[in-house]
Amino acid sequence: MEFKEETSRIVLLDEGKEIGEITWSTDGGDGLIVEHTGVDGTYRGQGLAGKLVAEVVAYARRNDKKIIPVCSYAKKEFERTPDYEDVWKK
């Protein structure tokens, strides 16, 4: 499996097939508003959504951005992962 960065989203691919994504918009400044995290149903339960959140966190760190998690899954991940505090725009 591999991640592919695109404009306003990171895609998770399995042998070239898109199986998940995390999407965002910008707040006009340094904020990325994470709006959606999704994984194909046949791949659920493997921790892949959490890996997508980790990828967008890494993206934010590389690009000096902050994350506003409005997606319920991403918000839950931010609440239970103290390591994300540095990129969480509250």
Protein backbone atom coordinates (compact mmCIF):
# COMPACT_ATOMS: atom_id res chain seq x y z
CA MET A 1 0.00 0.00 0.00
CA GLU A 2 1.12 3.50 -0.71
CA PHE A 3 0.00 7.09 -0.12
CA LYS A 4 -0.31 9.64 -2.88
CA GLU A 5 -0.56 13.37 -2.20
CA GLU A 6 -2.94 15.31 -4.41
CA THR A 7 -4.37 18.78 -4.23
CA SER A 8 -6.49 18.89 -1.06
CA ARG A 9 -6.31 15.16 -0.37
CA ILE A 10 -4.13 12.18 0.32
CA VAL A 11 -5.13 8.92 -1.33
CA LEU A 12 -4.34 5.42 -0.08
CA LEU A 13 -3.66 2.97 -2.89
CA ASP A 14 -3.45 -0.82 -2.89
CA GLU A 15 -1.82 -2.11 -6.07
CA GLY A 16 -2.90 1.07 -7.85
CA LYS A 17 -6.51 0.88 -6.66
CA GLU A 18 -7.82 3.76 -4.54
CA ILE A 19 -9.01 2.29 -1.24
CA GLY A 20 -9.12 5.35 1.01
CA GLU A 21 -8.71 9.10 1.24
CA ILE A 22 -8.48 12.03 3.59
CA THR A 23 -9.62 15.40 2.24
CA TRP A 24 -9.27 18.99 3.34
CA SER A 25 -9.89 22.58 2.37
CA THR A 26 -7.98 25.63 3.58
CA ASP A 27 -9.11 28.29 5.99
CA GLY A 28 -7.43 31.08 4.00
CA GLY A 29 -4.38 31.04 6.26
CA ASP A 30 -2.23 28.26 7.64
CA GLY A 31 -5.15 25.96 8.46
CA LEU A 32 -6.15 22.72 6.77
CA ILE A 33 -9.78 21.88 7.50
CA VAL A 34 -9.89 18.08 7.45
CA GLU A 35 -13.40 17.31 6.24
CA HIS A 36 -13.46 13.60 5.42
CA THR A 37 -11.59 10.39 6.15
CA GLY A 38 -12.78 7.25 4.43
CA VAL A 39 -11.63 3.72 3.70
CA ASP A 40 -13.27 1.17 1.39
CA GLY A 41 -15.43 -1.19 3.45
CA THR A 42 -13.44 -4.28 2.54
CA TYR A 43 -10.34 -2.71 4.11
CA ARG A 44 -11.91 -1.46 7.34
CA GLY A 45 -10.63 -2.64 10.69
CA GLN A 46 -6.98 -2.54 9.59
CA GLY A 47 -6.12 0.86 11.08
CA LEU A 48 -5.88 2.48 7.65
CA ALA A 49 -7.99 5.54 8.52
CA GLY A 50 -5.59 6.24 11.38
CA LYS A 51 -2.69 5.99 8.95
CA LEU A 52 -4.40 8.51 6.69
CA VAL A 53 -4.69 10.92 9.62
CA ALA A 54 -1.00 10.38 10.41
CA GLU A 55 -0.17 11.17 6.77
CA VAL A 56 -2.06 14.46 6.81
CA VAL A 57 -0.32 15.35 10.09
CA ALA A 58 3.06 14.68 8.44
CA TYR A 59 1.96 16.77 5.44
CA ALA A 60 0.98 19.65 7.75
CA ARG A 61 4.33 19.49 9.54
CA ARG A 62 6.29 19.53 6.27
CA ASN A 63 4.30 22.52 5.02
CA ASP A 64 4.04 24.58 8.25
CA LYS A 65 0.27 24.12 8.41
CA LYS A 66 -2.17 23.55 11.25
CA ILE A 67 -5.11 21.16 11.16
CA ILE A 68 -8.72 21.86 12.04
CA PRO A 69 -10.29 18.38 12.25
CA VAL A 70 -14.01 18.68 11.52
CA CYS A 71 -14.26 15.08 10.30
CA SER A 72 -15.50 13.09 13.31
CA TYR A 73 -12.89 10.35 12.86
CA ALA A 74 -9.99 12.79 12.49
CA LYS A 75 -11.20 14.77 15.50
CA LYS A 76 -11.29 11.59 17.60
CA GLU A 77 -7.74 10.74 16.49
CA PHE A 78 -6.54 14.22 17.48
CA GLU A 79 -8.22 13.95 20.88
CA ARG A 80 -6.50 10.65 21.69
CA THR A 81 -3.07 11.34 20.15
CA PRO A 82 -1.02 13.85 22.17
CA ASP A 83 1.69 13.81 19.48
CA TYR A 84 -0.66 15.74 17.15
CA GLU A 85 -0.96 18.71 19.53
CA ASP A 86 1.69 20.73 17.64
CA VAL A 87 -0.40 20.83 14.46
CA TRP A 88 -3.88 21.08 16.03
CA LYS A 89 -5.44 24.49 15.38
CA LYS A 90 -8.07 24.86 18.09
